Amino acid sequence: MRVISKRMLREFWEAHPDCKEHLKAWHNEAEKASWQAPEHIRKDYPSASILKSKRFIFNIIGNTHRLIVRINYEYGLVWIRFIGTHKDYNKIDANNR
């Protein structure tokens, strides 16, 4: 999969260094993945939540932070839509992010 954009992750972990290794690991795993359907993601990340419009929520550092992505299976693309603390996540509409 091609993750768009790592810069967003990097900017977040620079402000939240406790997330750096976790986000790097997620990015590396996503880049190596060949997800073709939601069940493939759930196999790799059983705690990931499925939203509408091919969006997923990944829990980072035991759910203290959340990562929302949108996936295009046909083209192998993963768009980062949001990364933030759980508190920040509670302020957004995850389905339309």
PDB file of N, CA and C in Angstrom:
ATOM      1  N   MET A   1       0.853  -1.172   0.000  1.00  0.00           N
ATOM      2  CA  MET A   1       0.000   0.000   0.000  1.00  0.00           C
ATOM      3  C   MET A   1       0.905   1.243   0.000  1.00  0.00           C
ATOM      4  N   ARG A   2       0.397   2.289  -0.583  1.00  0.00           N
ATOM      5  CA  ARG A   2       1.116   3.573  -0.567  1.00  0.00           C
ATOM      6  C   ARG A   2       0.402   4.495   0.418  1.00  0.00           C
ATOM      7  N   VAL A   3       1.131   4.947   1.425  1.00  0.00           N
ATOM      8  CA  VAL A   3       0.552   5.801   2.468  1.00  0.00           C
ATOM      9  C   VAL A   3       0.775   7.260   2.109  1.00  0.00           C
ATOM     10  N   ILE A   4      -0.313   8.028   2.112  1.00  0.00           N
ATOM     11  CA  ILE A   4      -0.271   9.452   1.800  1.00  0.00           C
ATOM     12  C   ILE A   4      -0.820  10.191   3.017  1.00  0.00           C
ATOM     13  N   SER A   5      -0.141  10.917   3.758  1.00  0.00           N
ATOM     14  CA  SER A   5       1.226  11.317   3.637  1.00  0.00           C
ATOM     15  C   SER A   5       1.953  11.077   4.949  1.00  0.00           C
ATOM     16  N   LYS A   6       3.152  10.596   4.829  1.00  0.00           N
ATOM     17  CA  LYS A   6       3.968  10.339   6.017  1.00  0.00           C
ATOM     18  C   LYS A   6       4.279  11.645   6.737  1.00  0.00           C
ATOM     19  N   ARG A   7       4.319  12.738   5.990  1.00  0.00           N
ATOM     20  CA  ARG A   7       4.615  14.035   6.591  1.00  0.00           C
ATOM     21  C   ARG A   7       3.650  14.358   7.731  1.00  0.00           C
ATOM     22  N   MET A   8       2.393  14.031   7.545  1.00  0.00           N
ATOM     23  CA  MET A   8       1.393  14.278   8.581  1.00  0.00           C
ATOM     24  C   MET A   8       1.733  13.499   9.856  1.00  0.00           C
ATOM     25  N   LEU A   9       2.153  12.253   9.685  1.00  0.00           N
ATOM     26  CA  LEU A   9       2.570  11.448  10.838  1.00  0.00           C
ATOM     27  C   LEU A   9       3.800  12.056  11.496  1.00  0.00           C
ATOM     28  N   ARG A  10       4.775  12.435  10.673  1.00  0.00           N
ATOM     29  CA  ARG A  10       6.021  12.995  11.194  1.00  0.00           C
ATOM     30  C   ARG A  10       5.771  14.269  12.001  1.00  0.00           C
ATOM     31  N   GLU A  11       4.924  15.140  11.474  1.00  0.00           N
ATOM     32  CA  GLU A  11       4.612  16.376  12.189  1.00  0.00           C
ATOM     33  C   GLU A  11       3.941  16.081  13.530  1.00  0.00           C
ATOM     34  N   PHE A  12       3.097  15.065  13.542  1.00  0.00           N
ATOM     35  CA  PHE A  12       2.433  14.708  14.796  1.00  0.00           C
ATOM     36  C   PHE A  12       3.415  14.132  15.802  1.00  0.00           C
ATOM     37  N   TRP A  13       4.290  13.219  15.356  1.00  0.00           N
ATOM     38  CA  TRP A  13       5.203  12.618  16.334  1.00  0.00           C
ATOM     39  C   TRP A  13       6.267  13.601  16.788  1.00  0.00           C
ATOM     40  N   GLU A  14       6.543  14.632  16.008  1.00  0.00           N
ATOM     41  CA  GLU A  14       7.463  15.664  16.491  1.00  0.00           C
ATOM     42  C   GLU A  14       6.834  16.428  17.653  1.00  0.00           C
ATOM     43  N   ALA A  15       5.535  16.630  17.622  1.00  0.00           N
ATOM     44  CA  ALA A  15       4.826  17.298  18.710  1.00  0.00           C
ATOM     45  C   ALA A  15       4.485  16.332  19.850  1.00  0.00           C
ATOM     46  N   HIS A  16       4.421  15.031  19.535  1.00  0.00           N
ATOM     47  CA  HIS A  16       4.073  13.988  20.509  1.00  0.00           C
ATOM     48  C   HIS A  16       5.090  12.853  20.389  1.00  0.00           C
ATOM     49  N   PRO A  17       6.301  13.052  20.918  1.00  0.00           N
ATOM     50  CA  PRO A  17       7.378  12.065  20.731  1.00  0.00           C
ATOM     51  C   PRO A  17       7.050  10.659  21.246  1.00  0.00           C
ATOM     52  N   ASP A  18       6.120  10.546  22.183  1.00  0.00           N
ATOM     53  CA  ASP A  18       5.762   9.220  22.693  1.00  0.00           C
ATOM     54  C   ASP A  18       5.124   8.344  21.613  1.00  0.00           C
ATOM     55  N   CYS A  19       4.641   8.958  20.540  1.00  0.00           N
ATOM     56  CA  CYS A  19       3.994   8.225  19.442  1.00  0.00           C
ATOM     57  C   CYS A  19       4.944   7.830  18.325  1.00  0.00           C
ATOM     58  N   LYS A  20       6.130   8.365  18.324  1.00  0.00           N
ATOM     59  CA  LYS A  20       7.031   8.217  17.178  1.00  0.00           C
ATOM     60  C   LYS A  20       7.216   6.770  16.749  1.00  0.00           C
ATOM     61  N   GLU A  21       7.649   5.920  17.628  1.00  0.00           N
ATOM     62  CA  GLU A  21       7.937   4.537  17.259  1.00  0.00           C
ATOM     63  C   GLU A  21       6.674   3.782  16.863  1.00  0.00           C
ATOM     64  N   HIS A  22       5.570   4.073  17.526  1.00  0.00           N
ATOM     65  CA  HIS A  22       4.304   3.411  17.198  1.00  0.00           C
ATOM     66  C   HIS A  22       3.823   3.811  15.802  1.00  0.00           C
ATOM     67  N   LEU A  23       3.915   5.098  15.483  1.00  0.00           N
ATOM     68  CA  LEU A  23       3.481   5.559  14.164  1.00  0.00           C
ATOM     69  C   LEU A  23       4.421   5.100  13.057  1.00  0.00           C
ATOM     70  N   LYS A  24       5.713   5.066  13.347  1.00  0.00           N
ATOM     71  CA  LYS A  24       6.662   4.538  12.359  1.00  0.00           C
ATOM     72  C   LYS A  24       6.365   3.069  12.075  1.00  0.00           C
ATOM     73  N   ALA A  25       6.091   2.312  13.120  1.00  0.00           N
ATOM     74  CA  ALA A  25       5.787   0.889  12.953  1.00  0.00           C
ATOM     75  C   ALA A  25       4.508   0.709  12.138  1.00  0.00           C
ATOM     76  N   TRP A  26       3.458   1.502  12.456  1.00  0.00           N
ATOM     77  CA  TRP A  26       2.214   1.402  11.688  1.00  0.00           C
ATOM     78  C   TRP A  26       2.480   1.735  10.222  1.00  0.00           C
ATOM     79  N   HIS A  27       3.225   2.791   9.961  1.00  0.00           N
ATOM     80  CA  HIS A  27       3.521   3.208   8.592  1.00  0.00           C
ATOM     81  C   HIS A  27       4.255   2.100   7.837  1.00  0.00           C
ATOM     82  N   ASN A  28       5.267   1.537   8.453  1.00  0.00           N
ATOM     83  CA  ASN A  28       6.033   0.465   7.804  1.00  0.00           C
ATOM     84  C   ASN A  28       5.156  -0.747   7.503  1.00  0.00           C
ATOM     85  N   GLU A  29       4.294  -1.115   8.444  1.00  0.00           N
ATOM     86  CA  GLU A  29       3.402  -2.255   8.235  1.00  0.00           C
ATOM     87  C   GLU A  29       2.394  -1.964   7.123  1.00  0.00           C
ATOM     88  N   ALA A  30       1.855  -0.756   7.098  1.00  0.00           N
ATOM     89  CA  ALA A  30       0.887  -0.383   6.063  1.00  0.00           C
ATOM     90  C   ALA A  30       1.547  -0.374   4.687  1.00  0.00           C
ATOM     91  N   GLU A  31       2.767   0.126   4.603  1.00  0.00           N
ATOM     92  CA  GLU A  31       3.476   0.167   3.317  1.00  0.00           C
ATOM     93  C   GLU A  31       3.732  -1.239   2.773  1.00  0.00           C
ATOM     94  N   LYS A  32       3.952  -2.194   3.656  1.00  0.00           N
ATOM     95  CA  LYS A  32       4.228  -3.566   3.235  1.00  0.00           C
ATOM     96  C   LYS A  32       2.959  -4.376   2.972  1.00  0.00           C
ATOM     97  N   ALA A  33       1.827  -3.866   3.452  1.00  0.00           N
ATOM     98  CA  ALA A  33       0.563  -4.595   3.343  1.00  0.00           C
ATOM     99  C   ALA A  33       0.045  -4.596   1.910  1.00  0.00           C
ATOM    100  N   SER A  34      -0.830  -5.539   1.647  1.00  0.00           N
ATOM    101  CA  SER A  34      -1.523  -5.586   0.348  1.00  0.00           C
ATOM    102  C   SER A  34      -3.017  -5.799   0.617  1.00  0.00           C
ATOM    103  N   TRP A  35      -3.585  -4.907   1.417  1.00  0.00           N
ATOM    104  CA  TRP A  35      -4.983  -5.011   1.791  1.00  0.00           C
ATOM    105  C   TRP A  35      -5.884  -4.898   0.568  1.00  0.00           C
ATOM    106  N   GLN A  36      -6.804  -5.828   0.438  1.00  0.00           N
ATOM    107  CA  GLN A  36      -7.757  -5.837  -0.673  1.00  0.00           C
ATOM    108  C   GLN A  36      -9.200  -5.702  -0.200  1.00  0.00           C
ATOM    109  N   ALA A  37      -9.398  -5.796   1.114  1.00  0.00           N
ATOM    110  CA  ALA A  37     -10.744  -5.738   1.677  1.00  0.00           C
ATOM    111  C   ALA A  37     -10.643  -5.443   3.173  1.00  0.00           C
ATOM    112  N   PRO A  38     -11.729  -4.971   3.779  1.00  0.00           N
ATOM    113  CA  PRO A  38     -11.696  -4.665   5.211  1.00  0.00           C
ATOM    114  C   PRO A  38     -11.247  -5.828   6.091  1.00  0.00           C
ATOM    115  N   GLU A  39     -11.636  -7.048   5.718  1.00  0.00           N
ATOM    116  CA  GLU A  39     -11.248  -8.191   6.554  1.00  0.00           C
ATOM    117  C   GLU A  39      -9.741  -8.417   6.581  1.00  0.00           C
ATOM    118  N   HIS A  40      -9.036  -7.980   5.552  1.00  0.00           N
ATOM    119  CA  HIS A  40      -7.570  -8.089   5.557  1.00  0.00           C
ATOM    120  C   HIS A  40      -6.978  -7.151   6.610  1.00  0.00           C
ATOM    121  N   ILE A  41      -7.550  -5.981   6.721  1.00  0.00           N
ATOM    122  CA  ILE A  41      -7.081  -5.023   7.732  1.00  0.00           C
ATOM    123  C   ILE A  41      -7.405  -5.549   9.120  1.00  0.00           C
ATOM    124  N   ARG A  42      -8.616  -6.057   9.291  1.00  0.00           N
ATOM    125  CA  ARG A  42      -9.009  -6.581  10.602  1.00  0.00           C
ATOM    126  C   ARG A  42      -8.149  -7.777  11.013  1.00  0.00           C
ATOM    127  N   LYS A  43      -7.658  -8.526  10.037  1.00  0.00           N
ATOM    128  CA  LYS A  43      -6.763  -9.643  10.350  1.00  0.00           C
ATOM    129  C   LYS A  43      -5.460  -9.110  10.954  1.00  0.00           C
ATOM    130  N   ASP A  44      -4.923  -8.040  10.360  1.00  0.00           N
ATOM    131  CA  ASP A  44      -3.679  -7.453  10.849  1.00  0.00           C
ATOM    132  C   ASP A  44      -3.896  -6.598  12.094  1.00  0.00           C
ATOM    133  N   TYR A  45      -5.060  -5.948  12.177  1.00  0.00           N
ATOM    134  CA  TYR A  45      -5.373  -5.024  13.280  1.00  0.00           C
ATOM    135  C   TYR A  45      -6.782  -5.324  13.799  1.00  0.00           C
ATOM    136  N   PRO A  46      -6.914  -6.327  14.648  1.00  0.00           N
ATOM    137  CA  PRO A  46      -8.242  -6.719  15.137  1.00  0.00           C
ATOM    138  C   PRO A  46      -8.983  -5.603  15.884  1.00  0.00           C
ATOM    139  N   SER A  47      -8.268  -4.676  16.469  1.00  0.00           N
ATOM    140  CA  SER A  47      -8.930  -3.603  17.215  1.00  0.00           C
ATOM    141  C   SER A  47      -9.282  -2.400  16.341  1.00  0.00           C
ATOM    142  N   ALA A  48      -8.934  -2.436  15.062  1.00  0.00           N
ATOM    143  CA  ALA A  48      -9.278  -1.334  14.164  1.00  0.00           C
ATOM    144  C   ALA A  48     -10.790  -1.271  13.998  1.00  0.00           C
ATOM    145  N   SER A  49     -11.304  -0.052  13.949  1.00  0.00           N
ATOM    146  CA  SER A  49     -12.739   0.143  13.758  1.00  0.00           C
ATOM    147  C   SER A  49     -13.012   0.509  12.305  1.00  0.00           C
ATOM    148  N   ILE A  50     -14.058  -0.067  11.762  1.00  0.00           N
ATOM    149  CA  ILE A  50     -14.440   0.208  10.384  1.00  0.00           C
ATOM    150  C   ILE A  50     -15.525   1.275  10.392  1.00  0.00           C
ATOM    151  N   LEU A  51     -15.307   2.311   9.607  1.00  0.00           N
ATOM    152  CA  LEU A  51     -16.282   3.382   9.438  1.00  0.00           C
ATOM    153  C   LEU A  51     -16.832   3.320   8.021  1.00  0.00           C
ATOM    154  N   LYS A  52     -17.786   4.188   7.713  1.00  0.00           N
ATOM    155  CA  LYS A  52     -18.294   4.237   6.338  1.00  0.00           C
ATOM    156  C   LYS A  52     -17.250   4.867   5.427  1.00  0.00           C
ATOM    157  N   SER A  53     -17.480   4.778   4.151  1.00  0.00           N
ATOM    158  CA  SER A  53     -16.614   5.369   3.120  1.00  0.00           C
ATOM    159  C   SER A  53     -15.181   4.857   3.175  1.00  0.00           C
ATOM    160  N   LYS A  54     -15.033   3.557   3.471  1.00  0.00           N
ATOM    161  CA  LYS A  54     -13.722   2.902   3.476  1.00  0.00           C
ATOM    162  C   LYS A  54     -12.724   3.566   4.419  1.00  0.00           C
ATOM    163  N   ARG A  55     -13.223   4.042   5.545  1.00  0.00           N
ATOM    164  CA  ARG A  55     -12.368   4.652   6.565  1.00  0.00           C
ATOM    165  C   ARG A  55     -12.165   3.660   7.706  1.00  0.00           C
ATOM    166  N   PHE A  56     -10.987   3.764   8.314  1.00  0.00           N
ATOM    167  CA  PHE A  56     -10.641   2.925   9.455  1.00  0.00           C
ATOM    168  C   PHE A  56     -10.047   3.783  10.552  1.00  0.00           C
ATOM    169  N   ILE A  57     -10.278   3.365  11.781  1.00  0.00           N
ATOM    170  CA  ILE A  57      -9.656   4.008  12.937  1.00  0.00           C
ATOM    171  C   ILE A  57      -8.690   3.002  13.543  1.00  0.00           C
ATOM    172  N   PHE A  58      -7.445   3.429  13.687  1.00  0.00           N
ATOM    173  CA  PHE A  58      -6.427   2.611  14.345  1.00  0.00           C
ATOM    174  C   PHE A  58      -6.122   3.229  15.701  1.00  0.00           C
ATOM    175  N   ASN A  59      -6.079   2.395  16.712  1.00  0.00           N
ATOM    176  CA  ASN A  59      -5.720   2.848  18.048  1.00  0.00           C
ATOM    177  C   ASN A  59      -4.204   2.851  18.166  1.00  0.00           C
ATOM    178  N   ILE A  60      -3.675   3.962  18.630  1.00  0.00           N
ATOM    179  CA  ILE A  60      -2.230   4.117  18.798  1.00  0.00           C
ATOM    180  C   ILE A  60      -1.927   4.245  20.283  1.00  0.00           C
ATOM    181  N   ILE A  61      -0.920   3.556  20.738  1.00  0.00           N
ATOM    182  CA  ILE A  61      -0.505   3.531  22.147  1.00  0.00           C
ATOM    183  C   ILE A  61      -1.696   3.204  23.051  1.00  0.00           C
ATOM    184  N   GLY A  62      -2.277   2.067  22.828  1.00  0.00           N
ATOM    185  CA  GLY A  62      -3.355   1.612  23.697  1.00  0.00           C
ATOM    186  C   GLY A  62      -4.563   2.528  23.703  1.00  0.00           C
ATOM    187  N   ASN A  63      -4.856   3.140  22.561  1.00  0.00           N
ATOM    188  CA  ASN A  63      -6.038   3.967  22.379  1.00  0.00           C
ATOM    189  C   ASN A  63      -5.917   5.366  23.003  1.00  0.00           C
ATOM    190  N   THR A  64      -4.723   5.795  23.357  1.00  0.00           N
ATOM    191  CA  THR A  64      -4.563   7.175  23.834  1.00  0.00           C
ATOM    192  C   THR A  64      -4.537   8.147  22.662  1.00  0.00           C
ATOM    193  N   HIS A  65      -4.218   7.614  21.482  1.00  0.00           N
ATOM    194  CA  HIS A  65      -4.197   8.403  20.248  1.00  0.00           C
ATOM    195  C   HIS A  65      -4.942   7.620  19.174  1.00  0.00           C
ATOM    196  N   ARG A  66      -5.461   8.350  18.191  1.00  0.00           N
ATOM    197  CA  ARG A  66      -6.215   7.692  17.135  1.00  0.00           C
ATOM    198  C   ARG A  66      -5.754   8.167  15.771  1.00  0.00           C
ATOM    199  N   LEU A  67      -5.768   7.232  14.843  1.00  0.00           N
ATOM    200  CA  LEU A  67      -5.369   7.480  13.466  1.00  0.00           C
ATOM    201  C   LEU A  67      -6.539   7.074  12.568  1.00  0.00           C
ATOM    202  N   ILE A  68      -7.010   8.010  11.744  1.00  0.00           N
ATOM    203  CA  ILE A  68      -8.081   7.710  10.798  1.00  0.00           C
ATOM    204  C   ILE A  68      -7.490   7.735   9.394  1.00  0.00           C
ATOM    205  N   VAL A  69      -7.773   6.701   8.642  1.00  0.00           N
ATOM    206  CA  VAL A  69      -7.307   6.625   7.254  1.00  0.00           C
ATOM    207  C   VAL A  69      -8.485   6.278   6.353  1.00  0.00           C
ATOM    208  N   ARG A  70      -8.346   6.613   5.087  1.00  0.00           N
ATOM    209  CA  ARG A  70      -9.306   6.209   4.052  1.00  0.00           C
ATOM    210  C   ARG A  70      -8.520   5.357   3.061  1.00  0.00           C
ATOM    211  N   ILE A  71      -9.101   4.255   2.643  1.00  0.00           N
ATOM    212  CA  ILE A  71      -8.377   3.298   1.821  1.00  0.00           C
ATOM    213  C   ILE A  71      -9.037   3.134   0.450  1.00  0.00           C
ATOM    214  N   ASN A  72      -8.197   3.142  -0.572  1.00  0.00           N
ATOM    215  CA  ASN A  72      -8.631   2.810  -1.922  1.00  0.00           C
ATOM    216  C   ASN A  72      -7.948   1.490  -2.260  1.00  0.00           C
ATOM    217  N   TYR A  73      -8.701   0.418  -2.160  1.00  0.00           N
ATOM    218  CA  TYR A  73      -8.140  -0.913  -2.380  1.00  0.00           C
ATOM    219  C   TYR A  73      -7.672  -1.105  -3.813  1.00  0.00           C
ATOM    220  N   GLU A  74      -8.449  -0.595  -4.754  1.00  0.00           N
ATOM    221  CA  GLU A  74      -8.148  -0.795  -6.173  1.00  0.00           C
ATOM    222  C   GLU A  74      -6.770  -0.244  -6.548  1.00  0.00           C
ATOM    223  N   TYR A  75      -6.427   0.927  -6.000  1.00  0.00           N
ATOM    224  CA  TYR A  75      -5.147   1.555  -6.326  1.00  0.00           C
ATOM    225  C   TYR A  75      -4.083   1.356  -5.248  1.00  0.00           C
ATOM    226  N   GLY A  76      -4.437   0.689  -4.173  1.00  0.00           N
ATOM    227  CA  GLY A  76      -3.473   0.428  -3.112  1.00  0.00           C
ATOM    228  C   GLY A  76      -3.034   1.674  -2.376  1.00  0.00           C
ATOM    229  N   LEU A  77      -3.985   2.575  -2.103  1.00  0.00           N
ATOM    230  CA  LEU A  77      -3.666   3.842  -1.445  1.00  0.00           C
ATOM    231  C   LEU A  77      -4.303   3.927  -0.067  1.00  0.00           C
ATOM    232  N   VAL A  78      -3.551   4.498   0.861  1.00  0.00           N
ATOM    233  CA  VAL A  78      -4.038   4.758   2.211  1.00  0.00           C
ATOM    234  C   VAL A  78      -3.829   6.247   2.474  1.00  0.00           C
ATOM    235  N   TRP A  79      -4.938   6.983   2.620  1.00  0.00           N
ATOM    236  CA  TRP A  79      -4.840   8.417   2.897  1.00  0.00           C
ATOM    237  C   TRP A  79      -5.032   8.655   4.382  1.00  0.00           C
ATOM    238  N   ILE A  80      -4.072   9.315   4.985  1.00  0.00           N
ATOM    239  CA  ILE A  80      -4.207   9.691   6.384  1.00  0.00           C
ATOM    240  C   ILE A  80      -5.157  10.884   6.444  1.00  0.00           C
ATOM    241  N   ARG A  81      -6.223  10.734   7.198  1.00  0.00           N
ATOM    242  CA  ARG A  81      -7.238  11.779   7.301  1.00  0.00           C
ATOM    243  C   ARG A  81      -7.148  12.529   8.625  1.00  0.00           C
ATOM    244  N   PHE A  82      -6.653  11.848   9.682  1.00  0.00           N
ATOM    245  CA  PHE A  82      -6.584  12.463  11.008  1.00  0.00           C
ATOM    246  C   PHE A  82      -5.616  11.674  11.866  1.00  0.00           C
ATOM    247  N   ILE A  83      -4.852  12.374  12.666  1.00  0.00           N
ATOM    248  CA  ILE A  83      -4.068  11.773  13.742  1.00  0.00           C
ATOM    249  C   ILE A  83      -4.171  12.731  14.916  1.00  0.00           C
ATOM    250  N   GLY A  84      -4.512  12.200  16.066  1.00  0.00           N
ATOM    251  CA  GLY A  84      -4.656  13.071  17.230  1.00  0.00           C
ATOM    252  C   GLY A  84      -4.859  12.275  18.501  1.00  0.00           C
ATOM    253  N   THR A  85      -4.942  13.011  19.585  1.00  0.00           N
ATOM    254  CA  THR A  85      -5.201  12.371  20.865  1.00  0.00           C
ATOM    255  C   THR A  85      -6.654  11.894  20.880  1.00  0.00           C
ATOM    256  N   HIS A  86      -6.945  11.045  21.813  1.00  0.00           N
ATOM    257  CA  HIS A  86      -8.319  10.566  21.929  1.00  0.00           C
ATOM    258  C   HIS A  86      -9.249  11.741  22.225  1.00  0.00           C
ATOM    259  N   LYS A  87      -8.783  12.683  22.998  1.00  0.00           N
ATOM    260  CA  LYS A  87      -9.569  13.881  23.323  1.00  0.00           C
ATOM    261  C   LYS A  87      -9.864  14.686  22.049  1.00  0.00           C
ATOM    262  N   ASP A  88      -8.858  14.850  21.190  1.00  0.00           N
ATOM    263  CA  ASP A  88      -9.063  15.555  19.918  1.00  0.00           C
ATOM    264  C   ASP A  88     -10.033  14.783  19.023  1.00  0.00           C
ATOM    265  N   TYR A  89      -9.905  13.471  19.028  1.00  0.00           N
ATOM    266  CA  TYR A  89     -10.772  12.621  18.221  1.00  0.00           C
ATOM    267  C   TYR A  89     -12.236  12.817  18.611  1.00  0.00           C
ATOM    268  N   ASN A  90     -12.499  12.970  19.893  1.00  0.00           N
ATOM    269  CA  ASN A  90     -13.871  13.130  20.364  1.00  0.00           C
ATOM    270  C   ASN A  90     -14.519  14.412  19.860  1.00  0.00           C
ATOM    271  N   LYS A  91     -13.728  15.333  19.330  1.00  0.00           N
ATOM    272  CA  LYS A  91     -14.242  16.615  18.855  1.00  0.00           C
ATOM    273  C   LYS A  91     -14.563  16.617  17.363  1.00  0.00           C
ATOM    274  N   ILE A  92     -14.268  15.534  16.657  1.00  0.00           N
ATOM    275  CA  ILE A  92     -14.455  15.506  15.210  1.00  0.00           C
ATOM    276  C   ILE A  92     -15.533  14.509  14.805  1.00  0.00           C
ATOM    277  N   ASP A  93     -15.964  14.604  13.572  1.00  0.00           N
ATOM    278  CA  ASP A  93     -16.856  13.621  12.972  1.00  0.00           C
ATOM    279  C   ASP A  93     -15.985  12.669  12.155  1.00  0.00           C
ATOM    280  N   ALA A  94     -15.665  11.532  12.710  1.00  0.00           N
ATOM    281  CA  ALA A  94     -14.733  10.595  12.084  1.00  0.00           C
ATOM    282  C   ALA A  94     -15.213  10.089  10.724  1.00  0.00           C
ATOM    283  N   ASN A  95     -16.513  10.008  10.518  1.00  0.00           N
ATOM    284  CA  ASN A  95     -17.043   9.514   9.259  1.00  0.00           C
ATOM    285  C   ASN A  95     -16.867  10.492   8.105  1.00  0.00           C
ATOM    286  N   ASN A  96     -16.649  11.746   8.423  1.00  0.00           N
ATOM    287  CA  ASN A  96     -16.513  12.753   7.375  1.00  0.00           C
ATOM    288  C   ASN A  96     -15.154  13.435   7.398  1.00  0.00           C
ATOM    289  N   ARG A  97     -14.253  12.892   8.087  1.00  0.00           N
ATOM    290  CA  ARG A  97     -12.910  13.461   8.206  1.00  0.00           C
ATOM    291  C   ARG A  97     -12.086  13.086   7.010  1.00  0.00           C
TER     292      ARG A  97
END
